[in-house]
N, C-alpha and C. Protein backbone atom coordinates (compact mmCIF):
# COMPACT_ATOMS: atom_id res chain seq x y z
N MET A 1 -32.59 18.77 -0.92
CA MET A 1 -31.49 17.82 -0.84
C MET A 1 -30.56 18.03 -2.03
N SER A 2 -29.28 17.90 -1.78
CA SER A 2 -28.31 18.06 -2.85
C SER A 2 -28.16 16.76 -3.63
N GLU A 3 -28.12 16.91 -4.93
CA GLU A 3 -27.95 15.76 -5.82
C GLU A 3 -26.48 15.38 -5.89
N LYS A 4 -26.18 14.10 -5.73
CA LYS A 4 -24.79 13.64 -5.79
C LYS A 4 -24.36 13.52 -7.24
N ILE A 5 -23.24 14.16 -7.59
CA ILE A 5 -22.74 14.13 -8.96
C ILE A 5 -21.79 12.95 -9.11
N LYS A 6 -22.04 12.14 -10.12
CA LYS A 6 -21.19 10.97 -10.37
C LYS A 6 -20.27 11.26 -11.55
N ASN A 7 -18.98 11.27 -11.30
CA ASN A 7 -18.01 11.46 -12.37
C ASN A 7 -17.50 10.10 -12.80
N LYS A 8 -17.82 9.72 -14.01
CA LYS A 8 -17.37 8.44 -14.54
C LYS A 8 -16.35 8.68 -15.62
N GLN A 9 -15.26 7.91 -15.55
CA GLN A 9 -14.25 7.99 -16.60
C GLN A 9 -14.77 7.30 -17.85
N GLU A 10 -14.37 7.81 -19.00
CA GLU A 10 -14.71 7.17 -20.27
C GLU A 10 -13.44 7.00 -21.09
N LEU A 11 -13.31 5.83 -21.71
CA LEU A 11 -12.16 5.53 -22.57
C LEU A 11 -12.67 4.95 -23.88
N LYS A 12 -11.93 5.19 -24.96
CA LYS A 12 -12.26 4.63 -26.27
C LYS A 12 -11.25 3.55 -26.60
N GLY A 13 -11.72 2.43 -27.14
CA GLY A 13 -10.80 1.36 -27.48
C GLY A 13 -11.41 0.36 -28.43
N LYS A 14 -10.62 -0.68 -28.72
CA LYS A 14 -11.00 -1.71 -29.68
C LYS A 14 -11.19 -3.03 -28.96
N VAL A 15 -12.27 -3.74 -29.29
CA VAL A 15 -12.53 -5.05 -28.69
C VAL A 15 -11.54 -6.05 -29.29
N VAL A 16 -10.76 -6.72 -28.43
CA VAL A 16 -9.78 -7.69 -28.91
C VAL A 16 -10.17 -9.13 -28.55
N SER A 17 -11.15 -9.30 -27.64
CA SER A 17 -11.59 -10.65 -27.28
C SER A 17 -13.04 -10.60 -26.82
N ASP A 18 -13.83 -11.58 -27.26
CA ASP A 18 -15.22 -11.71 -26.80
C ASP A 18 -15.53 -13.17 -26.44
N ALA A 19 -14.50 -13.91 -26.02
CA ALA A 19 -14.64 -15.34 -25.76
C ALA A 19 -15.43 -15.63 -24.49
N MET A 20 -15.43 -14.70 -23.54
CA MET A 20 -16.12 -14.93 -22.27
C MET A 20 -17.58 -14.52 -22.36
N SER A 21 -18.38 -15.05 -21.45
CA SER A 21 -19.79 -14.71 -21.40
C SER A 21 -19.97 -13.39 -20.66
N LYS A 22 -20.68 -12.44 -21.29
CA LYS A 22 -20.98 -11.12 -20.73
C LYS A 22 -19.74 -10.27 -20.45
N THR A 23 -18.62 -10.59 -21.09
CA THR A 23 -17.38 -9.84 -20.89
C THR A 23 -16.66 -9.68 -22.22
N VAL A 24 -16.12 -8.50 -22.46
CA VAL A 24 -15.24 -8.27 -23.60
C VAL A 24 -13.95 -7.65 -23.10
N VAL A 25 -12.86 -7.90 -23.81
CA VAL A 25 -11.58 -7.29 -23.47
C VAL A 25 -11.35 -6.16 -24.47
N VAL A 26 -11.14 -4.95 -23.93
CA VAL A 26 -10.99 -3.75 -24.76
C VAL A 26 -9.56 -3.24 -24.60
N GLU A 27 -8.87 -3.02 -25.75
CA GLU A 27 -7.52 -2.48 -25.73
C GLU A 27 -7.58 -0.98 -26.00
N VAL A 28 -7.06 -0.20 -25.04
CA VAL A 28 -7.05 1.25 -25.15
C VAL A 28 -5.62 1.70 -25.40
N SER A 29 -5.40 2.44 -26.50
CA SER A 29 -4.07 2.92 -26.85
C SER A 29 -3.98 4.41 -26.61
N ARG A 30 -2.78 4.87 -26.24
CA ARG A 30 -2.54 6.30 -26.06
C ARG A 30 -1.10 6.59 -26.43
N TYR A 31 -0.82 7.83 -26.77
CA TYR A 31 0.53 8.26 -27.11
C TYR A 31 1.17 8.97 -25.93
N VAL A 32 2.42 8.59 -25.63
CA VAL A 32 3.15 9.14 -24.50
C VAL A 32 4.47 9.71 -25.01
N MET A 33 4.87 10.85 -24.47
CA MET A 33 6.14 11.44 -24.87
C MET A 33 7.26 10.94 -23.97
N HIS A 34 8.36 10.54 -24.60
CA HIS A 34 9.52 10.09 -23.84
C HIS A 34 10.12 11.29 -23.10
N PRO A 35 10.42 11.14 -21.79
CA PRO A 35 10.88 12.29 -21.02
C PRO A 35 12.23 12.87 -21.46
N LYS A 36 13.12 12.02 -21.97
CA LYS A 36 14.43 12.50 -22.36
C LYS A 36 14.50 12.85 -23.85
N TYR A 37 14.00 11.94 -24.70
CA TYR A 37 14.17 12.09 -26.14
C TYR A 37 13.03 12.83 -26.82
N LYS A 38 11.96 13.11 -26.09
CA LYS A 38 10.81 13.90 -26.59
C LYS A 38 10.12 13.27 -27.80
N LYS A 39 10.27 11.97 -27.96
CA LYS A 39 9.60 11.27 -29.05
C LYS A 39 8.32 10.63 -28.51
N TYR A 40 7.26 10.70 -29.33
CA TYR A 40 6.00 10.08 -28.93
C TYR A 40 5.99 8.62 -29.35
N PHE A 41 5.48 7.76 -28.46
CA PHE A 41 5.34 6.35 -28.77
C PHE A 41 4.05 5.84 -28.18
N LYS A 42 3.59 4.71 -28.70
CA LYS A 42 2.28 4.18 -28.33
C LYS A 42 2.37 3.25 -27.13
N ARG A 43 1.47 3.45 -26.18
CA ARG A 43 1.30 2.55 -25.05
C ARG A 43 -0.14 2.06 -25.08
N SER A 44 -0.35 0.79 -24.76
CA SER A 44 -1.71 0.26 -24.74
C SER A 44 -1.93 -0.56 -23.49
N LYS A 45 -3.19 -0.62 -23.09
CA LYS A 45 -3.58 -1.37 -21.91
C LYS A 45 -4.90 -2.06 -22.19
N LYS A 46 -5.08 -3.25 -21.64
CA LYS A 46 -6.31 -4.01 -21.85
C LYS A 46 -7.19 -3.95 -20.61
N TYR A 47 -8.48 -3.72 -20.83
CA TYR A 47 -9.46 -3.65 -19.76
C TYR A 47 -10.55 -4.68 -20.01
N SER A 48 -10.97 -5.38 -18.95
CA SER A 48 -12.12 -6.26 -19.05
C SER A 48 -13.36 -5.42 -18.80
N ALA A 49 -14.32 -5.49 -19.71
CA ALA A 49 -15.52 -4.66 -19.60
C ALA A 49 -16.77 -5.53 -19.66
N HIS A 50 -17.80 -5.11 -18.94
CA HIS A 50 -19.06 -5.84 -18.86
C HIS A 50 -19.90 -5.57 -20.11
N ASP A 51 -20.38 -6.64 -20.73
CA ASP A 51 -21.24 -6.57 -21.92
C ASP A 51 -22.46 -7.45 -21.64
N GLU A 52 -23.51 -6.86 -21.11
CA GLU A 52 -24.67 -7.61 -20.62
C GLU A 52 -25.32 -8.50 -21.68
N LYS A 53 -25.45 -8.00 -22.92
CA LYS A 53 -26.18 -8.73 -23.95
C LYS A 53 -25.30 -9.48 -24.93
N ASN A 54 -23.99 -9.51 -24.71
CA ASN A 54 -23.04 -10.16 -25.62
C ASN A 54 -23.20 -9.65 -27.05
N GLU A 55 -23.33 -8.31 -27.21
CA GLU A 55 -23.59 -7.75 -28.53
C GLU A 55 -22.34 -7.23 -29.24
N PHE A 56 -21.21 -7.10 -28.56
CA PHE A 56 -20.01 -6.54 -29.17
C PHE A 56 -19.05 -7.65 -29.59
N LYS A 57 -18.48 -7.50 -30.79
CA LYS A 57 -17.61 -8.53 -31.36
C LYS A 57 -16.20 -7.99 -31.54
N VAL A 58 -15.26 -8.89 -31.84
CA VAL A 58 -13.86 -8.51 -32.05
C VAL A 58 -13.75 -7.52 -33.20
N GLY A 59 -13.02 -6.44 -32.99
CA GLY A 59 -12.82 -5.42 -34.01
C GLY A 59 -13.70 -4.21 -33.84
N ASP A 60 -14.72 -4.27 -33.00
CA ASP A 60 -15.60 -3.12 -32.77
C ASP A 60 -14.88 -2.04 -31.97
N MET A 61 -15.10 -0.77 -32.35
CA MET A 61 -14.61 0.35 -31.57
C MET A 61 -15.71 0.73 -30.59
N VAL A 62 -15.38 0.78 -29.30
CA VAL A 62 -16.39 1.02 -28.27
C VAL A 62 -15.92 2.08 -27.28
N VAL A 63 -16.88 2.61 -26.53
CA VAL A 63 -16.61 3.51 -25.41
C VAL A 63 -16.94 2.73 -24.14
N ILE A 64 -15.98 2.70 -23.20
CA ILE A 64 -16.23 2.04 -21.92
C ILE A 64 -16.23 3.09 -20.83
N GLU A 65 -17.01 2.85 -19.76
CA GLU A 65 -17.06 3.77 -18.64
C GLU A 65 -16.83 3.02 -17.33
N SER A 66 -16.25 3.73 -16.37
CA SER A 66 -15.98 3.10 -15.08
C SER A 66 -17.29 2.84 -14.36
N THR A 67 -17.28 1.79 -13.56
CA THR A 67 -18.48 1.39 -12.83
C THR A 67 -18.05 0.72 -11.53
N ARG A 68 -19.01 0.29 -10.76
CA ARG A 68 -18.67 -0.43 -9.53
C ARG A 68 -18.00 -1.75 -9.88
N PRO A 69 -17.19 -2.32 -8.98
CA PRO A 69 -16.57 -3.61 -9.29
C PRO A 69 -17.62 -4.70 -9.50
N ILE A 70 -17.57 -5.34 -10.66
CA ILE A 70 -18.51 -6.41 -11.00
C ILE A 70 -17.89 -7.76 -10.68
N SER A 71 -16.57 -7.88 -10.85
CA SER A 71 -15.84 -9.09 -10.48
C SER A 71 -14.43 -8.67 -10.10
N LYS A 72 -13.54 -9.64 -9.99
CA LYS A 72 -12.15 -9.33 -9.60
C LYS A 72 -11.47 -8.40 -10.60
N THR A 73 -11.70 -8.61 -11.88
CA THR A 73 -11.02 -7.82 -12.90
C THR A 73 -11.92 -6.82 -13.62
N LYS A 74 -13.25 -6.97 -13.52
CA LYS A 74 -14.17 -6.10 -14.25
C LYS A 74 -14.60 -4.91 -13.42
N LYS A 75 -14.10 -3.73 -13.82
CA LYS A 75 -14.50 -2.49 -13.18
C LYS A 75 -14.96 -1.47 -14.23
N TRP A 76 -15.21 -1.95 -15.45
CA TRP A 76 -15.63 -1.13 -16.58
C TRP A 76 -16.84 -1.77 -17.24
N ALA A 77 -17.67 -0.96 -17.88
CA ALA A 77 -18.83 -1.44 -18.63
C ALA A 77 -18.85 -0.77 -19.99
N VAL A 78 -19.26 -1.52 -21.01
CA VAL A 78 -19.34 -0.96 -22.36
C VAL A 78 -20.55 -0.04 -22.42
N LYS A 79 -20.29 1.21 -22.84
CA LYS A 79 -21.36 2.20 -22.91
C LYS A 79 -22.03 2.21 -24.28
N GLU A 80 -21.21 2.29 -25.34
CA GLU A 80 -21.77 2.37 -26.69
C GLU A 80 -20.74 1.93 -27.73
N LYS A 81 -21.25 1.65 -28.91
CA LYS A 81 -20.38 1.30 -30.03
C LYS A 81 -20.17 2.53 -30.89
N ILE A 82 -18.92 2.75 -31.32
CA ILE A 82 -18.60 3.85 -32.22
C ILE A 82 -18.66 3.31 -33.63
N SER A 83 -19.33 4.02 -34.51
CA SER A 83 -19.54 3.52 -35.88
C SER A 83 -18.26 3.22 -36.61
């Protein structure tokens, strides 16, 4: 039998909120080049991520990975903390 390969996306970001139970909000920043002026500028997006043990706090740098939908907004789970 062939083994099914699961490709999961991974993103690095900073925890900006831990007010909810089992959920943290992670802000992921990236640099984008302007199409006309060729200048790089920062774009950021916030993702709700599942934190089963409520172990991550505001300011932590974490890696999140895509997962099955857990709720309406949670489609990511915290994988690990970056030192």
